[in-house]
N, C-alpha and C. Protein backbone atom coordinates (compact mmCIF):
# COMPACT_ATOMS: atom_id res chain seq x y z
N MET A 1 -24.32 6.54 77.85
CA MET A 1 -25.76 6.73 77.91
C MET A 1 -26.47 5.47 77.46
N ASN A 2 -27.37 4.98 78.28
CA ASN A 2 -28.15 3.80 77.96
C ASN A 2 -29.55 4.24 77.51
N LEU A 3 -29.84 4.06 76.24
CA LEU A 3 -31.14 4.50 75.72
C LEU A 3 -32.30 3.77 76.39
N HIS A 4 -32.04 2.55 76.90
CA HIS A 4 -33.10 1.80 77.58
C HIS A 4 -33.62 2.53 78.81
N ASP A 5 -32.77 3.38 79.40
CA ASP A 5 -33.14 4.05 80.64
C ASP A 5 -33.83 5.39 80.42
N ILE A 6 -33.96 5.81 79.18
CA ILE A 6 -34.62 7.09 78.90
C ILE A 6 -36.12 6.84 78.74
N ARG A 7 -36.88 7.36 79.64
CA ARG A 7 -38.32 7.18 79.60
C ARG A 7 -39.00 8.32 80.35
N ALA A 8 -40.25 8.55 80.02
CA ALA A 8 -41.02 9.60 80.69
C ALA A 8 -42.39 9.04 81.05
N GLU A 9 -42.94 9.53 82.14
CA GLU A 9 -44.27 9.12 82.56
C GLU A 9 -45.26 10.20 82.15
N TYR A 10 -46.28 9.83 81.39
CA TYR A 10 -47.25 10.80 80.90
C TYR A 10 -48.47 10.82 81.82
N SER A 11 -48.86 12.00 82.27
CA SER A 11 -49.97 12.05 83.23
C SER A 11 -50.76 13.35 83.19
N LYS A 12 -50.52 14.19 82.19
CA LYS A 12 -51.12 15.53 82.22
C LYS A 12 -52.64 15.53 82.02
N GLN A 13 -53.13 14.71 81.05
CA GLN A 13 -54.55 14.74 80.75
C GLN A 13 -55.00 13.35 80.32
N SER A 14 -56.31 13.21 80.14
CA SER A 14 -56.87 11.95 79.65
C SER A 14 -57.80 12.27 78.48
N LEU A 15 -58.26 11.23 77.79
CA LEU A 15 -59.12 11.42 76.62
C LEU A 15 -60.10 10.25 76.53
N SER A 16 -61.37 10.58 76.35
CA SER A 16 -62.41 9.57 76.19
C SER A 16 -63.21 9.86 74.93
N ARG A 17 -63.97 8.87 74.46
CA ARG A 17 -64.82 9.09 73.29
C ARG A 17 -65.83 10.20 73.54
N SER A 18 -66.37 10.25 74.74
CA SER A 18 -67.40 11.25 75.04
C SER A 18 -66.84 12.67 75.00
N GLN A 19 -65.54 12.82 75.27
CA GLN A 19 -64.91 14.14 75.22
C GLN A 19 -64.70 14.62 73.79
N CYS A 20 -64.63 13.71 72.86
CA CYS A 20 -64.28 14.05 71.48
C CYS A 20 -65.48 14.52 70.68
N ALA A 21 -65.25 15.51 69.84
CA ALA A 21 -66.28 16.04 68.96
C ALA A 21 -66.74 14.97 67.98
N ASP A 22 -67.90 15.17 67.37
CA ASP A 22 -68.42 14.20 66.41
C ASP A 22 -67.58 14.14 65.14
N HIS A 23 -66.97 15.27 64.77
CA HIS A 23 -66.18 15.33 63.55
C HIS A 23 -64.70 15.47 63.92
N PRO A 24 -63.81 14.71 63.29
CA PRO A 24 -62.39 14.77 63.67
C PRO A 24 -61.75 16.13 63.44
N MET A 25 -62.21 16.88 62.42
CA MET A 25 -61.59 18.18 62.18
C MET A 25 -61.97 19.19 63.25
N THR A 26 -63.16 19.02 63.85
CA THR A 26 -63.53 19.86 64.99
C THR A 26 -62.64 19.54 66.18
N GLN A 27 -62.43 18.26 66.41
CA GLN A 27 -61.55 17.84 67.50
C GLN A 27 -60.12 18.31 67.24
N PHE A 28 -59.67 18.20 66.00
CA PHE A 28 -58.31 18.65 65.68
C PHE A 28 -58.17 20.14 65.93
N ALA A 29 -59.17 20.94 65.54
CA ALA A 29 -59.10 22.38 65.76
C ALA A 29 -58.95 22.71 67.24
N ARG A 30 -59.67 21.96 68.09
CA ARG A 30 -59.56 22.16 69.54
C ARG A 30 -58.13 21.91 70.01
N TRP A 31 -57.58 20.77 69.58
CA TRP A 31 -56.24 20.41 70.03
C TRP A 31 -55.18 21.35 69.46
N LEU A 32 -55.34 21.77 68.23
CA LEU A 32 -54.37 22.70 67.66
C LEU A 32 -54.41 24.03 68.41
N ASP A 33 -55.61 24.52 68.71
CA ASP A 33 -55.73 25.76 69.49
C ASP A 33 -55.04 25.62 70.84
N GLU A 34 -55.21 24.47 71.48
CA GLU A 34 -54.58 24.27 72.78
C GLU A 34 -53.07 24.16 72.66
N ALA A 35 -52.59 23.58 71.57
CA ALA A 35 -51.14 23.49 71.36
C ALA A 35 -50.54 24.87 71.13
N VAL A 36 -51.22 25.70 70.35
CA VAL A 36 -50.74 27.06 70.11
C VAL A 36 -50.78 27.87 71.41
N SER A 37 -51.87 27.73 72.18
CA SER A 37 -51.99 28.46 73.44
C SER A 37 -50.93 28.04 74.44
N ALA A 38 -50.55 26.76 74.39
CA ALA A 38 -49.52 26.24 75.30
C ALA A 38 -48.12 26.56 74.80
N GLN A 39 -48.03 27.25 73.66
CA GLN A 39 -46.75 27.60 73.04
C GLN A 39 -45.91 26.35 72.76
N ALA A 40 -46.60 25.31 72.28
CA ALA A 40 -45.89 24.10 71.88
C ALA A 40 -44.90 24.44 70.77
N ASN A 41 -43.74 23.82 70.81
CA ASN A 41 -42.70 24.09 69.82
C ASN A 41 -43.19 23.69 68.43
N GLU A 42 -43.19 24.66 67.49
CA GLU A 42 -43.62 24.40 66.12
C GLU A 42 -44.96 23.65 66.09
N ALA A 43 -45.97 24.28 66.65
CA ALA A 43 -47.28 23.62 66.81
C ALA A 43 -47.88 23.19 65.48
N THR A 44 -47.55 23.88 64.40
CA THR A 44 -48.12 23.53 63.09
C THR A 44 -47.23 22.61 62.27
N ALA A 45 -46.13 22.15 62.85
CA ALA A 45 -45.24 21.23 62.14
C ALA A 45 -45.85 19.83 62.11
N MET A 46 -45.73 19.16 60.97
CA MET A 46 -46.28 17.81 60.86
C MET A 46 -45.35 16.96 60.01
N ASN A 47 -45.24 15.71 60.38
CA ASN A 47 -44.48 14.76 59.59
C ASN A 47 -45.36 14.28 58.44
N LEU A 48 -44.89 14.46 57.22
CA LEU A 48 -45.61 14.03 56.03
C LEU A 48 -44.94 12.77 55.48
N ALA A 49 -45.67 11.68 55.44
CA ALA A 49 -45.14 10.41 54.92
C ALA A 49 -45.80 10.10 53.58
N THR A 50 -44.97 9.75 52.60
CA THR A 50 -45.43 9.40 51.27
C THR A 50 -44.75 8.11 50.83
N VAL A 51 -45.12 7.65 49.64
CA VAL A 51 -44.49 6.46 49.06
C VAL A 51 -43.84 6.88 47.75
N SER A 52 -42.54 6.62 47.60
CA SER A 52 -41.82 7.01 46.39
C SER A 52 -42.30 6.20 45.20
N PRO A 53 -42.04 6.68 43.97
CA PRO A 53 -42.40 5.88 42.80
C PRO A 53 -41.75 4.50 42.79
N GLN A 54 -40.66 4.34 43.53
CA GLN A 54 -39.98 3.03 43.63
C GLN A 54 -40.55 2.16 44.75
N GLY A 55 -41.53 2.70 45.47
CA GLY A 55 -42.18 1.93 46.51
C GLY A 55 -41.60 2.07 47.90
N PHE A 56 -40.69 3.02 48.10
CA PHE A 56 -40.08 3.21 49.41
C PHE A 56 -40.86 4.24 50.23
N PRO A 57 -41.05 4.02 51.52
CA PRO A 57 -41.66 5.05 52.36
C PRO A 57 -40.68 6.20 52.56
N GLU A 58 -41.21 7.41 52.54
CA GLU A 58 -40.39 8.61 52.74
C GLU A 58 -41.13 9.52 53.71
N ALA A 59 -40.38 10.25 54.53
CA ALA A 59 -41.02 11.14 55.50
C ALA A 59 -40.17 12.37 55.70
N ARG A 60 -40.85 13.48 55.96
CA ARG A 60 -40.18 14.74 56.23
C ARG A 60 -41.15 15.67 56.96
N MET A 61 -40.62 16.72 57.57
CA MET A 61 -41.45 17.68 58.29
C MET A 61 -41.87 18.81 57.34
N VAL A 62 -43.14 19.16 57.38
CA VAL A 62 -43.66 20.30 56.64
C VAL A 62 -44.56 21.08 57.59
N LEU A 63 -45.03 22.24 57.13
CA LEU A 63 -45.88 23.08 57.98
C LEU A 63 -47.32 23.08 57.50
N LEU A 64 -48.23 22.88 58.43
CA LEU A 64 -49.65 22.98 58.15
C LEU A 64 -50.02 24.44 57.92
N LYS A 65 -50.76 24.71 56.84
CA LYS A 65 -51.15 26.08 56.54
C LYS A 65 -52.65 26.32 56.59
N GLU A 66 -53.44 25.26 56.48
CA GLU A 66 -54.89 25.36 56.62
C GLU A 66 -55.41 24.04 57.15
N ALA A 67 -56.48 24.10 57.93
CA ALA A 67 -57.15 22.89 58.39
C ALA A 67 -58.62 23.22 58.59
N ASP A 68 -59.48 22.57 57.84
CA ASP A 68 -60.92 22.75 57.99
C ASP A 68 -61.62 21.45 57.64
N GLU A 69 -62.93 21.49 57.46
CA GLU A 69 -63.67 20.26 57.22
C GLU A 69 -63.25 19.55 55.94
N ARG A 70 -62.52 20.26 55.06
CA ARG A 70 -62.06 19.64 53.81
C ARG A 70 -60.75 18.88 53.98
N GLY A 71 -59.99 19.19 55.04
CA GLY A 71 -58.74 18.47 55.26
C GLY A 71 -57.59 19.37 55.68
N PHE A 72 -56.36 18.89 55.45
CA PHE A 72 -55.13 19.52 55.92
C PHE A 72 -54.33 20.00 54.71
N VAL A 73 -53.91 21.27 54.72
CA VAL A 73 -53.25 21.87 53.57
C VAL A 73 -51.80 22.22 53.88
N PHE A 74 -50.93 21.89 52.92
CA PHE A 74 -49.54 22.34 52.96
C PHE A 74 -49.13 22.72 51.54
N PHE A 75 -47.99 23.39 51.41
CA PHE A 75 -47.52 23.87 50.11
C PHE A 75 -46.10 23.35 49.86
N SER A 76 -45.80 23.12 48.58
CA SER A 76 -44.48 22.60 48.25
C SER A 76 -44.22 22.74 46.76
N ASN A 77 -43.04 22.28 46.36
CA ASN A 77 -42.62 22.22 44.97
C ASN A 77 -43.15 20.93 44.36
N TYR A 78 -43.92 21.04 43.27
CA TYR A 78 -44.48 19.85 42.63
C TYR A 78 -43.41 18.90 42.10
N LEU A 79 -42.21 19.44 41.84
CA LEU A 79 -41.14 18.62 41.25
C LEU A 79 -40.18 18.09 42.31
N SER A 80 -40.46 18.35 43.57
CA SER A 80 -39.63 17.83 44.65
C SER A 80 -39.85 16.33 44.82
N ALA A 81 -39.09 15.72 45.71
CA ALA A 81 -39.27 14.29 45.97
C ALA A 81 -40.69 14.00 46.44
N LYS A 82 -41.20 14.82 47.33
CA LYS A 82 -42.56 14.59 47.82
C LYS A 82 -43.59 14.82 46.73
N GLY A 83 -43.33 15.84 45.87
CA GLY A 83 -44.24 16.10 44.77
C GLY A 83 -44.31 14.94 43.79
N LYS A 84 -43.16 14.37 43.47
CA LYS A 84 -43.13 13.21 42.57
C LYS A 84 -43.80 11.99 43.21
N ALA A 85 -43.59 11.83 44.51
CA ALA A 85 -44.23 10.71 45.21
C ALA A 85 -45.74 10.85 45.18
N LEU A 86 -46.23 12.06 45.42
CA LEU A 86 -47.68 12.27 45.45
C LEU A 86 -48.30 12.19 44.06
N ALA A 87 -47.53 12.55 43.03
CA ALA A 87 -48.03 12.40 41.66
C ALA A 87 -48.20 10.93 41.32
N HIS A 88 -47.31 10.09 41.85
CA HIS A 88 -47.35 8.66 41.57
C HIS A 88 -48.38 7.95 42.43
N THR A 89 -48.38 8.29 43.73
CA THR A 89 -49.32 7.68 44.69
C THR A 89 -49.93 8.80 45.52
N PRO A 90 -51.12 9.28 45.16
CA PRO A 90 -51.71 10.44 45.84
C PRO A 90 -52.38 10.07 47.16
N GLN A 91 -51.59 9.47 48.04
CA GLN A 91 -52.02 9.15 49.39
C GLN A 91 -50.89 9.51 50.34
N ALA A 92 -51.26 9.87 51.57
CA ALA A 92 -50.23 10.29 52.52
C ALA A 92 -50.69 10.06 53.95
N ALA A 93 -49.73 10.13 54.85
CA ALA A 93 -50.00 10.09 56.28
C ALA A 93 -49.34 11.30 56.92
N LEU A 94 -50.00 11.85 57.93
CA LEU A 94 -49.49 12.99 58.68
C LEU A 94 -49.38 12.61 60.15
N THR A 95 -48.40 13.16 60.83
CA THR A 95 -48.29 12.99 62.28
C THR A 95 -47.94 14.33 62.91
N PHE A 96 -48.75 14.75 63.86
CA PHE A 96 -48.46 15.92 64.70
C PHE A 96 -48.04 15.40 66.07
N PHE A 97 -47.03 16.03 66.69
CA PHE A 97 -46.61 15.64 68.03
C PHE A 97 -46.39 16.89 68.85
N TRP A 98 -47.16 17.01 69.92
CA TRP A 98 -47.06 18.15 70.82
C TRP A 98 -46.58 17.63 72.18
N ALA A 99 -45.27 17.60 72.35
CA ALA A 99 -44.69 17.01 73.56
C ALA A 99 -45.15 17.74 74.81
N GLU A 100 -45.32 19.06 74.70
CA GLU A 100 -45.71 19.84 75.87
C GLU A 100 -47.07 19.40 76.43
N LEU A 101 -47.92 18.86 75.58
CA LEU A 101 -49.25 18.40 76.00
C LEU A 101 -49.36 16.88 76.05
N GLU A 102 -48.24 16.20 75.74
CA GLU A 102 -48.21 14.74 75.70
C GLU A 102 -49.28 14.21 74.73
N ARG A 103 -49.31 14.82 73.54
CA ARG A 103 -50.34 14.48 72.56
C ARG A 103 -49.75 14.21 71.18
N GLN A 104 -50.46 13.38 70.45
CA GLN A 104 -50.09 13.05 69.07
C GLN A 104 -51.38 12.90 68.26
N VAL A 105 -51.32 13.34 67.00
CA VAL A 105 -52.44 13.13 66.08
C VAL A 105 -51.89 12.47 64.83
N ARG A 106 -52.54 11.38 64.40
CA ARG A 106 -52.17 10.67 63.18
C ARG A 106 -53.30 10.79 62.17
N VAL A 107 -52.92 11.00 60.91
CA VAL A 107 -53.90 11.18 59.83
C VAL A 107 -53.51 10.31 58.65
N GLN A 108 -54.49 9.71 58.01
CA GLN A 108 -54.26 9.01 56.75
C GLN A 108 -55.34 9.45 55.76
N GLY A 109 -54.96 9.60 54.50
CA GLY A 109 -55.97 9.98 53.52
C GLY A 109 -55.39 10.17 52.13
N ARG A 110 -56.29 10.48 51.20
CA ARG A 110 -55.87 10.75 49.83
C ARG A 110 -55.45 12.22 49.71
N VAL A 111 -54.71 12.52 48.67
CA VAL A 111 -54.15 13.86 48.50
C VAL A 111 -54.55 14.41 47.14
N GLU A 112 -54.91 15.68 47.11
CA GLU A 112 -55.19 16.36 45.85
C GLU A 112 -54.51 17.72 45.85
N ARG A 113 -54.19 18.21 44.65
CA ARG A 113 -53.64 19.56 44.54
C ARG A 113 -54.73 20.59 44.75
N LEU A 114 -54.36 21.71 45.33
CA LEU A 114 -55.30 22.81 45.47
C LEU A 114 -55.56 23.45 44.10
N PRO A 115 -56.73 24.04 43.91
CA PRO A 115 -56.96 24.82 42.69
C PRO A 115 -55.93 25.94 42.59
N ALA A 116 -55.60 26.32 41.36
CA ALA A 116 -54.56 27.33 41.13
C ALA A 116 -54.86 28.63 41.86
N ALA A 117 -56.13 29.02 41.91
CA ALA A 117 -56.48 30.30 42.55
C ALA A 117 -56.13 30.28 44.04
N GLU A 118 -56.33 29.14 44.70
CA GLU A 118 -56.01 29.05 46.12
C GLU A 118 -54.50 29.09 46.34
N SER A 119 -53.76 28.42 45.46
CA SER A 119 -52.29 28.46 45.58
C SER A 119 -51.78 29.87 45.30
N ASP A 120 -52.38 30.55 44.31
CA ASP A 120 -51.99 31.93 44.00
C ASP A 120 -52.20 32.84 45.20
N ALA A 121 -53.35 32.69 45.86
CA ALA A 121 -53.67 33.56 47.00
C ALA A 121 -52.68 33.36 48.14
N TYR A 122 -52.36 32.10 48.44
CA TYR A 122 -51.41 31.88 49.52
C TYR A 122 -50.02 32.38 49.14
N PHE A 123 -49.60 32.09 47.90
CA PHE A 123 -48.26 32.51 47.47
C PHE A 123 -48.10 34.02 47.58
N ALA A 124 -49.15 34.76 47.22
CA ALA A 124 -49.09 36.22 47.28
C ALA A 124 -48.96 36.74 48.71
N SER A 125 -49.36 35.92 49.69
CA SER A 125 -49.28 36.34 51.10
C SER A 125 -47.91 36.08 51.71
N ARG A 126 -47.04 35.36 51.02
CA ARG A 126 -45.74 35.01 51.57
C ARG A 126 -44.79 36.22 51.51
N PRO A 127 -43.78 36.25 52.37
CA PRO A 127 -42.78 37.31 52.27
C PRO A 127 -42.08 37.29 50.91
N HIS A 128 -41.61 38.43 50.48
CA HIS A 128 -40.98 38.56 49.17
C HIS A 128 -39.82 37.57 49.01
N THR A 129 -39.00 37.45 50.04
CA THR A 129 -37.83 36.56 49.95
C THR A 129 -38.24 35.10 49.83
N SER A 130 -39.34 34.73 50.46
CA SER A 130 -39.83 33.35 50.35
C SER A 130 -40.35 33.07 48.95
N ARG A 131 -40.97 34.07 48.35
CA ARG A 131 -41.46 33.91 46.98
C ARG A 131 -40.29 33.75 46.00
N ILE A 132 -39.23 34.53 46.22
CA ILE A 132 -38.04 34.38 45.39
C ILE A 132 -37.42 33.01 45.59
N GLY A 133 -37.42 32.54 46.83
CA GLY A 133 -36.85 31.23 47.14
C GLY A 133 -37.55 30.10 46.41
N ALA A 134 -38.87 30.25 46.20
CA ALA A 134 -39.62 29.22 45.49
C ALA A 134 -39.16 29.10 44.04
N TRP A 135 -38.74 30.22 43.46
CA TRP A 135 -38.19 30.19 42.09
C TRP A 135 -36.75 29.68 42.09
N ALA A 136 -35.99 30.07 43.10
CA ALA A 136 -34.55 29.78 43.11
C ALA A 136 -34.23 28.31 43.37
N SER A 137 -35.04 27.66 44.21
CA SER A 137 -34.71 26.30 44.63
C SER A 137 -35.35 25.26 43.74
N GLU A 138 -34.53 24.49 43.06
CA GLU A 138 -35.00 23.30 42.34
C GLU A 138 -35.02 22.16 43.36
N GLN A 139 -36.03 22.16 44.18
CA GLN A 139 -36.07 21.36 45.39
C GLN A 139 -35.80 19.88 45.13
N SER A 140 -34.95 19.31 45.96
CA SER A 140 -34.55 17.90 45.96
C SER A 140 -33.54 17.55 44.88
N SER A 141 -33.16 18.50 44.02
CA SER A 141 -32.15 18.21 42.99
C SER A 141 -30.75 18.39 43.57
N VAL A 142 -29.77 17.70 43.01
CA VAL A 142 -28.38 17.81 43.47
C VAL A 142 -27.77 19.09 42.93
N ILE A 143 -27.09 19.86 43.80
CA ILE A 143 -26.40 21.07 43.37
C ILE A 143 -24.94 21.00 43.81
N GLU A 144 -24.09 21.74 43.12
CA GLU A 144 -22.64 21.70 43.41
C GLU A 144 -22.30 22.38 44.73
N GLY A 145 -23.08 23.38 45.10
CA GLY A 145 -22.79 24.10 46.33
C GLY A 145 -23.82 25.19 46.58
N LYS A 146 -23.70 25.84 47.74
CA LYS A 146 -24.66 26.89 48.12
C LYS A 146 -24.63 28.06 47.14
N SER A 147 -23.47 28.27 46.50
CA SER A 147 -23.35 29.39 45.57
C SER A 147 -24.33 29.28 44.41
N VAL A 148 -24.64 28.05 44.01
CA VAL A 148 -25.61 27.84 42.93
C VAL A 148 -26.97 28.39 43.33
N LEU A 149 -27.35 28.12 44.55
CA LEU A 149 -28.64 28.58 45.06
C LEU A 149 -28.67 30.10 45.19
N LEU A 150 -27.58 30.67 45.71
CA LEU A 150 -27.51 32.13 45.88
C LEU A 150 -27.51 32.84 44.53
N THR A 151 -26.84 32.26 43.55
CA THR A 151 -26.83 32.87 42.22
C THR A 151 -28.22 32.87 41.60
N ARG A 152 -28.92 31.75 41.75
CA ARG A 152 -30.28 31.68 41.23
C ARG A 152 -31.21 32.64 41.96
N ALA A 153 -31.03 32.77 43.27
CA ALA A 153 -31.87 33.70 44.04
C ALA A 153 -31.64 35.14 43.58
N ALA A 154 -30.38 35.49 43.34
CA ALA A 154 -30.07 36.84 42.86
C ALA A 154 -30.67 37.08 41.47
N LYS A 155 -30.62 36.07 40.63
CA LYS A 155 -31.18 36.18 39.28
C LYS A 155 -32.68 36.45 39.33
N PHE A 156 -33.41 35.69 40.12
CA PHE A 156 -34.87 35.86 40.16
C PHE A 156 -35.27 37.11 40.95
N ALA A 157 -34.43 37.51 41.91
CA ALA A 157 -34.71 38.76 42.63
C ALA A 157 -34.64 39.95 41.68
N ALA A 158 -33.69 39.91 40.75
CA ALA A 158 -33.57 40.97 39.76
C ALA A 158 -34.71 40.90 38.74
N GLN A 159 -35.09 39.69 38.37
CA GLN A 159 -36.14 39.51 37.37
C GLN A 159 -37.50 39.91 37.90
N TYR A 160 -37.74 39.61 39.19
CA TYR A 160 -39.04 39.91 39.80
C TYR A 160 -38.87 40.90 40.95
N ALA A 161 -38.33 42.04 40.63
CA ALA A 161 -38.04 43.04 41.67
C ALA A 161 -39.31 43.58 42.32
N LEU A 162 -40.38 43.70 41.55
CA LEU A 162 -41.60 44.30 42.08
C LEU A 162 -42.69 43.27 42.35
N ASN A 163 -42.95 42.43 41.39
CA ASN A 163 -44.03 41.44 41.53
C ASN A 163 -43.48 40.05 41.27
N VAL A 164 -43.72 39.15 42.21
CA VAL A 164 -43.22 37.78 42.07
C VAL A 164 -44.41 36.85 41.81
N PRO A 165 -44.59 36.35 40.60
CA PRO A 165 -45.69 35.43 40.33
C PRO A 165 -45.42 34.06 40.93
N ARG A 166 -46.46 33.30 41.12
CA ARG A 166 -46.26 31.93 41.61
C ARG A 166 -45.64 31.07 40.52
N PRO A 167 -44.56 30.34 40.85
CA PRO A 167 -43.97 29.44 39.85
C PRO A 167 -44.97 28.35 39.47
N PRO A 168 -44.97 27.91 38.22
CA PRO A 168 -45.90 26.86 37.81
C PRO A 168 -45.64 25.53 38.50
N HIS A 169 -44.43 25.37 39.06
CA HIS A 169 -44.07 24.12 39.72
C HIS A 169 -44.29 24.15 41.22
N TRP A 170 -45.01 25.14 41.72
CA TRP A 170 -45.16 25.30 43.17
C TRP A 170 -46.63 25.53 43.50
N GLY A 171 -47.11 24.88 44.56
CA GLY A 171 -48.50 25.09 44.94
C GLY A 171 -48.90 24.25 46.14
N GLY A 172 -50.20 24.18 46.36
CA GLY A 172 -50.70 23.54 47.56
C GLY A 172 -51.25 22.15 47.35
N TYR A 173 -51.26 21.40 48.44
CA TYR A 173 -51.85 20.07 48.49
C TYR A 173 -52.83 20.01 49.66
N ARG A 174 -53.87 19.22 49.48
CA ARG A 174 -54.80 18.98 50.59
C ARG A 174 -54.86 17.48 50.87
N VAL A 175 -54.61 17.11 52.13
CA VAL A 175 -54.78 15.73 52.57
C VAL A 175 -56.22 15.59 53.07
N ILE A 176 -57.00 14.77 52.37
CA ILE A 176 -58.41 14.57 52.71
C ILE A 176 -58.50 13.29 53.54
N PRO A 177 -58.75 13.42 54.84
CA PRO A 177 -58.60 12.26 55.71
C PRO A 177 -59.74 11.25 55.61
N ASP A 178 -59.38 9.99 55.78
CA ASP A 178 -60.39 8.95 56.01
C ASP A 178 -60.13 8.23 57.33
N LEU A 179 -59.04 8.61 57.99
CA LEU A 179 -58.72 8.10 59.32
C LEU A 179 -57.95 9.16 60.09
N VAL A 180 -58.39 9.44 61.31
CA VAL A 180 -57.70 10.40 62.18
C VAL A 180 -57.67 9.80 63.59
N GLU A 181 -56.48 9.74 64.17
CA GLU A 181 -56.35 9.19 65.52
C GLU A 181 -55.77 10.23 66.47
N PHE A 182 -56.40 10.36 67.64
CA PHE A 182 -55.94 11.27 68.69
C PHE A 182 -55.35 10.44 69.83
N TRP A 183 -54.11 10.74 70.17
CA TRP A 183 -53.36 9.98 71.18
C TRP A 183 -53.02 10.90 72.34
N GLN A 184 -53.41 10.50 73.55
CA GLN A 184 -53.08 11.24 74.76
C GLN A 184 -52.25 10.36 75.67
N GLY A 185 -51.03 10.79 76.00
CA GLY A 185 -50.17 10.01 76.87
C GLY A 185 -50.77 9.83 78.24
N ARG A 186 -50.62 8.61 78.81
CA ARG A 186 -51.16 8.28 80.12
C ARG A 186 -50.14 7.47 80.91
N PRO A 187 -50.29 7.40 82.23
CA PRO A 187 -49.34 6.65 83.05
C PRO A 187 -49.29 5.17 82.70
N SER A 188 -48.15 4.55 82.99
CA SER A 188 -47.94 3.11 82.81
C SER A 188 -48.10 2.67 81.36
N ARG A 189 -47.94 3.61 80.44
CA ARG A 189 -48.07 3.33 79.00
C ARG A 189 -49.49 2.88 78.62
N LEU A 190 -50.47 3.17 79.47
CA LEU A 190 -51.87 2.86 79.15
C LEU A 190 -52.51 4.09 78.50
N HIS A 191 -51.96 4.44 77.36
CA HIS A 191 -52.34 5.68 76.69
C HIS A 191 -53.78 5.62 76.17
N ASP A 192 -54.38 6.81 76.06
CA ASP A 192 -55.72 6.93 75.47
C ASP A 192 -55.59 7.16 73.98
N ARG A 193 -56.27 6.33 73.20
CA ARG A 193 -56.26 6.45 71.74
C ARG A 193 -57.70 6.41 71.23
N ILE A 194 -58.12 7.51 70.59
CA ILE A 194 -59.45 7.58 69.99
C ILE A 194 -59.27 7.75 68.49
N ARG A 195 -59.84 6.82 67.74
CA ARG A 195 -59.70 6.84 66.28
C ARG A 195 -61.05 7.13 65.62
N TYR A 196 -60.99 8.01 64.61
CA TYR A 196 -62.15 8.28 63.77
C TYR A 196 -61.93 7.57 62.44
N ARG A 197 -62.94 6.83 61.99
CA ARG A 197 -62.89 6.19 60.67
C ARG A 197 -64.07 6.69 59.83
N LEU A 198 -63.78 7.02 58.58
CA LEU A 198 -64.81 7.53 57.68
C LEU A 198 -65.66 6.38 57.16
N ASN A 199 -66.97 6.48 57.34
CA ASN A 199 -67.89 5.47 56.83
C ASN A 199 -68.25 5.76 55.37
N ASP A 200 -68.81 4.78 54.73
CA ASP A 200 -69.19 4.92 53.32
C ASP A 200 -70.22 6.04 53.10
N ASP A 201 -71.04 6.31 54.12
CA ASP A 201 -72.07 7.34 53.98
C ASP A 201 -71.57 8.74 54.33
N GLY A 202 -70.27 8.87 54.60
CA GLY A 202 -69.68 10.17 54.90
C GLY A 202 -69.66 10.52 56.37
N SER A 203 -70.28 9.69 57.22
CA SER A 203 -70.23 9.94 58.67
C SER A 203 -68.94 9.37 59.24
N TRP A 204 -68.65 9.75 60.48
CA TRP A 204 -67.43 9.30 61.13
C TRP A 204 -67.76 8.40 62.31
N GLN A 205 -67.01 7.34 62.45
CA GLN A 205 -67.16 6.42 63.56
C GLN A 205 -66.00 6.60 64.53
N LYS A 206 -66.33 6.80 65.79
CA LYS A 206 -65.32 6.96 66.84
C LYS A 206 -65.14 5.63 67.55
N GLU A 207 -63.90 5.25 67.81
CA GLU A 207 -63.63 4.01 68.52
C GLU A 207 -62.35 4.14 69.33
N ARG A 208 -62.34 3.46 70.47
CA ARG A 208 -61.14 3.46 71.32
C ARG A 208 -60.24 2.32 70.92
N LEU A 209 -58.93 2.60 70.86
CA LEU A 209 -57.93 1.59 70.54
C LEU A 209 -57.11 1.24 71.77
N ALA A 210 -56.69 0.00 71.86
CA ALA A 210 -55.75 -0.38 72.91
C ALA A 210 -54.41 0.30 72.64
N PRO A 211 -53.71 0.70 73.71
CA PRO A 211 -52.44 1.41 73.52
C PRO A 211 -51.33 0.49 73.03
């Protein structure tokens, strides 16, 4: 297999500044709705990129749980690798890719933890087994084997048989964007790229980028 020969021609749709909403979160909501309607694979999955305390870039896939004018929300373990990275450098980048629509969205911004009440509300909505899992997994730590995880899960399942409180080490983050780019694949690699940049006065500037 020659990787040089693997290529695809993008031609499904186009994107112009005039088509885009004035606010990037309005535009994002449109595209997310279209991705869900098109049954895009894992439409709410996003690549979260952070910087480790040692200065290394790190990336992993997480799930978007809220998106509104305030930003993009996901939940995780505060003591995980990503949690430690965000505690050290509270900035992140997100990437959504919807292959079915030949679309990509890139986000950059600062990150803040959600208020405890908001994390409590979301945690209470999760399935019981997922809530137990949040207690059982010391995320990103080295373990001897799967049995360690299963033993811890059994322990907390017995301890919290009826009501599972939110662990103090688990909660939500909000990425507050100052840059959002919408990418639409086009023929001959002449892709459409519309970028929103946050101005000092809180307004957004739309601009087209060369592909």
